[in-house]
């Protein structure tokens, strides 16, 4: 997968999963499945109002270690 660099020099996968308009169990399921197939860039924002579902999916997926996660603002 291609990697991009941020202004601060951090790296981020070029392809990410957008979570806008995902809610409830659909959101959790989609994020879990994305992590299981290799996604490591999950696009989220407080205005999407699905932080709980995204966070739960990341925690419960077991597909990725916390050391592989980064938050970008």
Protein backbone atom coordinates (compact mmCIF):
# COMPACT_ATOMS: atom_id res chain seq x y z
CA UNK A 1 0.00 0.00 0.00
CA UNK A 2 1.21 3.48 -0.82
CA UNK A 3 2.26 5.77 2.03
CA UNK A 4 1.84 9.56 2.18
CA UNK A 5 3.59 12.01 4.45
CA UNK A 6 1.96 14.71 6.55
CA UNK A 7 3.36 18.21 7.10
CA UNK A 8 4.85 17.00 10.38
CA UNK A 9 6.64 14.15 8.61
CA UNK A 10 4.39 11.38 9.92
CA UNK A 11 3.36 8.65 7.53
CA UNK A 12 -0.20 7.66 6.75
CA UNK A 13 -1.57 5.01 4.35
CA UNK A 14 -2.82 6.67 1.16
CA UNK A 15 -6.05 4.65 1.08
CA UNK A 16 -8.39 4.92 4.03
CA UNK A 17 -11.88 3.93 5.07
CA UNK A 18 -14.28 6.84 5.33
CA UNK A 19 -16.76 6.52 8.19
CA UNK A 20 -19.02 9.48 7.38
CA UNK A 21 -22.66 8.37 7.33
CA UNK A 22 -21.83 5.05 9.06
CA UNK A 23 -23.77 4.56 12.28
CA UNK A 24 -24.56 1.90 14.85
CA UNK A 25 -23.84 -1.76 14.21
CA UNK A 26 -23.23 -1.11 10.50
CA UNK A 27 -20.37 1.23 11.42
CA UNK A 28 -18.82 -1.25 13.84
CA UNK A 29 -19.11 -4.10 11.33
CA UNK A 30 -17.62 -2.14 8.43
CA UNK A 31 -14.68 -0.84 10.49
CA UNK A 32 -13.99 -4.33 11.86
CA UNK A 33 -14.06 -5.86 8.39
CA UNK A 34 -11.81 -3.12 7.01
CA UNK A 35 -9.23 -3.75 9.74
CA UNK A 36 -9.39 -7.50 9.14
CA UNK A 37 -8.59 -7.09 5.43
CA UNK A 38 -5.69 -4.73 6.07
CA UNK A 39 -6.92 -1.15 6.28
CA UNK A 40 -4.84 0.91 8.70
CA UNK A 41 -6.24 4.35 7.87
CA UNK A 42 -9.70 4.92 9.33
CA UNK A 43 -11.01 8.42 8.61
CA UNK A 44 -13.14 9.71 11.43
CA UNK A 45 -14.25 13.04 12.85
CA UNK A 46 -16.25 14.15 15.85
CA UNK A 47 -18.84 15.70 13.54
CA UNK A 48 -19.64 12.19 12.20
CA UNK A 49 -20.95 11.34 15.70
CA UNK A 50 -19.81 7.71 15.46
CA UNK A 51 -16.65 7.80 17.59
CA UNK A 52 -18.02 5.17 19.95
CA UNK A 53 -18.74 2.69 17.18
CA UNK A 54 -15.39 3.28 15.45
CA UNK A 55 -13.49 3.00 18.73
CA UNK A 56 -15.31 -0.15 19.80
CA UNK A 57 -14.64 -1.77 16.45
CA UNK A 58 -10.92 -0.99 16.70
CA UNK A 59 -10.71 -2.30 20.26
CA UNK A 60 -12.77 -5.43 19.62
CA UNK A 61 -11.36 -6.36 16.21
CA UNK A 62 -8.08 -7.74 17.52
CA UNK A 63 -6.81 -7.13 13.98
CA UNK A 64 -4.43 -4.35 14.87
CA UNK A 65 -2.13 -3.52 17.76
CA UNK A 66 -2.40 -0.09 19.37
CA UNK A 67 1.23 0.48 18.37
CA UNK A 68 0.05 0.56 14.73
CA UNK A 69 -2.57 3.24 15.30
CA UNK A 70 -2.09 6.99 15.06
CA UNK A 71 -4.46 9.91 15.39
CA UNK A 72 -3.97 12.84 13.02
CA UNK A 73 -5.60 16.21 13.35
